[in-house]
Amino acid sequence: MARQQTPSDIKWLVNELAAARGELVRVDADVVHVEAQLKRLKAFQERQQALCASLEQMLSLSSVVPLRTGAFIVSPHKKYGGRGSLKQWLADALRAQYPKAPTGMELFERAVPHFGLEFTSPAARRAYYNNTFRRQLLVFAQQGLVERVEVREGAVRSRWRWISAVSLAELRNTFSLKSP
């Protein structure tokens, strides 16, 4: 039996069909993902609407008339440049300091004017540092992006250093193998 060769134009059509089907599978997966995200957003929207209704009902019992009549809307993340901007700023600041290891407070002191943060009391400042700023450093450490360097410098107990991806060329230069 003689072997038949498939014409090149047919091969091209089959390849194009396979690529189009692959794109269709990808789009179907994206649609499933978007539908799931839409479902989560609708559930979040319902919870927020219920929360707003409850808070408005409680506020209507207030004796302060201007608070009962005003419609207040706040975009909580806008002041800081959007959601995730502190995380991005902190990562950039640590990368820029590499290989130096600044303290968390040194980074915090640079972030306060950058984001225009104002605190009502020293306790509020400390709470923001511990609950937001330091927490992000700990998340970076858990993700393996930074390392905590233990030091004993007066009140300073630790510093934070970005973990840089070392290239093979840098390793060769650092640990050059010499024959005996």
Protein backbone atom coordinates (compact mmCIF):
# COMPACT_ATOMS: atom_id res chain seq x y z
CA MET A 1 0.00 0.00 0.00
CA ALA A 2 1.41 3.34 -1.01
CA ARG A 3 1.65 6.09 1.52
CA GLN A 4 -0.21 9.28 0.64
CA GLN A 5 1.23 12.69 1.38
CA THR A 6 -1.13 15.34 2.74
CA PRO A 7 -1.08 18.49 0.64
CA SER A 8 0.45 21.53 2.36
CA ASP A 9 -2.68 23.65 1.97
CA ILE A 10 -4.70 21.00 3.84
CA LYS A 11 -2.04 20.89 6.59
CA TRP A 12 -2.28 24.66 6.89
CA LEU A 13 -6.09 24.48 7.18
CA VAL A 14 -5.88 21.77 9.84
CA ASN A 15 -3.32 23.82 11.81
CA GLU A 16 -5.47 26.95 11.59
CA LEU A 17 -8.53 24.99 12.71
CA ALA A 18 -6.60 23.57 15.67
CA ALA A 19 -5.38 27.06 16.64
CA ALA A 20 -8.91 28.49 16.38
CA ARG A 21 -10.25 25.66 18.54
CA GLY A 22 -7.49 26.31 21.08
CA GLU A 23 -8.49 29.98 21.25
CA LEU A 24 -12.11 28.95 21.69
CA VAL A 25 -11.18 26.72 24.64
CA ARG A 26 -9.20 29.61 26.18
CA VAL A 27 -12.11 32.04 25.72
CA ASP A 28 -14.53 29.51 27.24
CA ALA A 29 -12.26 29.21 30.29
CA ASP A 30 -12.09 33.02 30.54
CA VAL A 31 -15.89 33.24 30.37
CA VAL A 32 -16.21 30.72 33.22
CA HIS A 33 -13.68 32.74 35.26
CA VAL A 34 -15.47 36.04 34.58
CA GLU A 35 -18.86 34.55 35.43
CA ALA A 36 -17.47 33.28 38.75
CA GLN A 37 -15.97 36.69 39.49
CA LEU A 38 -19.27 38.39 38.56
CA LYS A 39 -21.08 36.06 40.97
CA ARG A 40 -18.63 36.98 43.76
CA LEU A 41 -19.01 40.69 43.00
CA LYS A 42 -22.81 40.47 43.04
CA ALA A 43 -22.69 38.69 46.42
CA PHE A 44 -20.33 41.39 47.72
CA GLN A 45 -22.64 44.07 46.35
CA GLU A 46 -25.62 42.54 48.15
CA ARG A 47 -23.67 42.40 51.43
CA GLN A 48 -22.59 46.03 51.06
CA GLN A 49 -26.16 47.12 50.28
CA ALA A 50 -27.43 45.30 53.36
CA LEU A 51 -24.67 46.91 55.45
CA CYS A 52 -25.52 50.37 54.09
CA ALA A 53 -29.22 49.84 54.83
CA SER A 54 -28.45 48.77 58.39
CA LEU A 55 -26.09 51.68 58.98
CA GLU A 56 -28.54 54.16 57.48
CA GLN A 57 -31.27 52.83 59.74
CA MET A 58 -29.03 53.24 62.79
CA LEU A 59 -28.00 56.71 61.64
CA SER A 60 -31.63 57.72 61.23
CA LEU A 61 -31.99 57.27 64.99
CA SER A 62 -29.24 59.84 65.56
CA SER A 63 -30.11 63.16 67.08
CA VAL A 64 -27.64 64.96 64.79
CA VAL A 65 -29.81 66.18 61.91
CA PRO A 66 -27.04 66.88 59.32
CA LEU A 67 -25.77 63.31 59.68
CA ARG A 68 -29.22 61.89 59.02
CA THR A 69 -29.77 63.83 55.80
CA GLY A 70 -26.36 63.74 54.11
CA ALA A 71 -25.35 61.23 51.49
CA PHE A 72 -21.69 60.44 52.18
CA ILE A 73 -19.56 58.49 49.74
CA VAL A 74 -15.89 57.78 50.34
CA SER A 75 -13.46 55.97 48.03
CA PRO A 76 -11.17 54.50 50.68
CA HIS A 77 -8.21 53.59 48.47
CA LYS A 78 -8.10 56.74 46.32
CA LYS A 79 -6.13 58.78 48.86
CA TYR A 80 -3.22 56.39 48.68
CA GLY A 81 -3.14 56.13 44.89
CA GLY A 82 -5.43 53.12 44.54
CA ARG A 83 -5.58 49.60 45.84
CA GLY A 84 -2.16 47.97 46.17
CA SER A 85 -0.16 51.19 45.88
CA LEU A 86 1.47 50.80 49.32
CA LYS A 87 2.51 47.27 48.41
CA GLN A 88 4.02 48.44 45.12
CA TRP A 89 5.74 51.43 46.74
CA LEU A 90 7.22 49.25 49.46
CA ALA A 91 8.52 46.68 46.96
CA ASP A 92 10.08 49.45 44.84
CA ALA A 93 11.66 51.08 47.91
CA LEU A 94 13.19 47.78 49.07
CA ARG A 95 14.48 46.99 45.57
CA ALA A 96 16.06 50.45 45.36
CA GLN A 97 17.80 49.94 48.73
CA TYR A 98 19.23 46.51 47.80
CA PRO A 99 21.73 45.27 49.03
CA LYS A 100 21.23 47.58 52.02
CA ALA A 101 18.67 46.57 54.60
CA PRO A 102 16.62 49.48 55.98
CA THR A 103 14.54 49.20 59.12
CA GLY A 104 10.79 49.08 58.85
CA MET A 105 10.59 52.44 60.60
CA GLU A 106 13.01 54.04 58.11
CA LEU A 107 10.78 52.90 55.27
CA PHE A 108 7.70 54.03 57.16
CA GLU A 109 9.15 57.52 57.69
CA ARG A 110 9.65 57.79 53.91
CA ALA A 111 6.13 56.49 53.18
CA VAL A 112 4.32 58.97 55.46
CA PRO A 113 5.10 62.09 53.38
CA HIS A 114 4.90 60.15 50.10
CA PHE A 115 1.28 59.16 50.75
CA GLY A 116 0.41 62.28 52.75
CA LEU A 117 -0.56 60.28 55.81
CA GLU A 118 -1.72 62.14 58.89
CA PHE A 119 -2.28 60.56 62.28
CA THR A 120 -4.44 61.83 65.11
CA SER A 121 -2.19 60.43 67.84
CA PRO A 122 1.02 58.48 68.40
CA ALA A 123 -1.14 55.43 69.13
CA ALA A 124 -2.85 55.78 65.72
CA ARG A 125 0.55 56.10 64.05
CA ARG A 126 1.84 52.98 65.82
CA ALA A 127 -1.35 51.07 64.96
CA TYR A 128 -1.03 51.99 61.28
CA TYR A 129 2.61 50.93 61.26
CA ASN A 130 1.88 47.58 62.94
CA ASN A 131 -1.41 46.73 61.20
CA THR A 132 -0.67 47.93 57.68
CA PHE A 133 2.96 48.68 57.00
CA ARG A 134 4.73 46.01 59.06
CA ARG A 135 2.10 43.48 58.07
CA GLN A 136 2.97 44.02 54.39
CA LEU A 137 6.63 43.43 55.19
CA LEU A 138 5.69 40.15 56.88
CA VAL A 139 3.60 39.14 53.85
CA PHE A 140 6.61 39.84 51.61
CA ALA A 141 8.73 37.66 53.92
CA GLN A 142 6.18 34.82 53.72
CA GLN A 143 6.24 35.10 49.93
CA GLY A 144 10.04 34.88 49.94
CA LEU A 145 10.51 38.38 48.49
CA VAL A 146 12.30 39.91 51.48
CA GLU A 147 14.39 38.60 54.32
CA ARG A 148 14.42 39.80 57.88
CA VAL A 149 17.94 40.53 59.03
CA GLU A 150 18.30 40.33 62.81
CA VAL A 151 20.52 43.07 64.25
CA ARG A 152 21.30 44.56 67.66
CA GLU A 153 21.62 48.30 67.07
CA GLY A 154 20.16 50.03 70.12
CA ALA A 155 16.37 49.77 69.83
CA VAL A 156 16.57 48.34 66.30
CA ARG A 157 16.07 44.58 66.32
CA SER A 158 15.64 43.83 62.62
CA ARG A 159 16.13 45.20 59.14
CA TRP A 160 14.43 44.21 55.89
CA ARG A 161 16.30 43.33 52.71
CA TRP A 162 14.92 42.54 49.27
CA ILE A 163 15.91 39.10 48.02
CA SER A 164 17.40 39.66 44.61
CA ALA A 165 17.31 37.00 41.94
CA VAL A 166 20.96 36.19 41.36
CA SER A 167 21.99 35.46 37.79
CA LEU A 168 24.23 32.57 36.83
CA ALA A 169 26.92 35.02 35.69
CA GLU A 170 26.93 36.67 39.14
CA LEU A 171 27.29 33.28 40.80
CA ARG A 172 30.18 32.39 38.50
CA ASN A 173 31.94 35.66 39.33
CA THR A 174 31.35 35.18 43.05
CA PHE A 175 32.32 31.52 43.21
CA SER A 176 34.70 31.11 40.30
CA LEU A 177 35.77 27.52 39.95
CA LYS A 178 39.51 27.24 39.67
CA SER A 179 41.20 24.03 38.77
CA PRO A 180 43.76 22.73 41.32
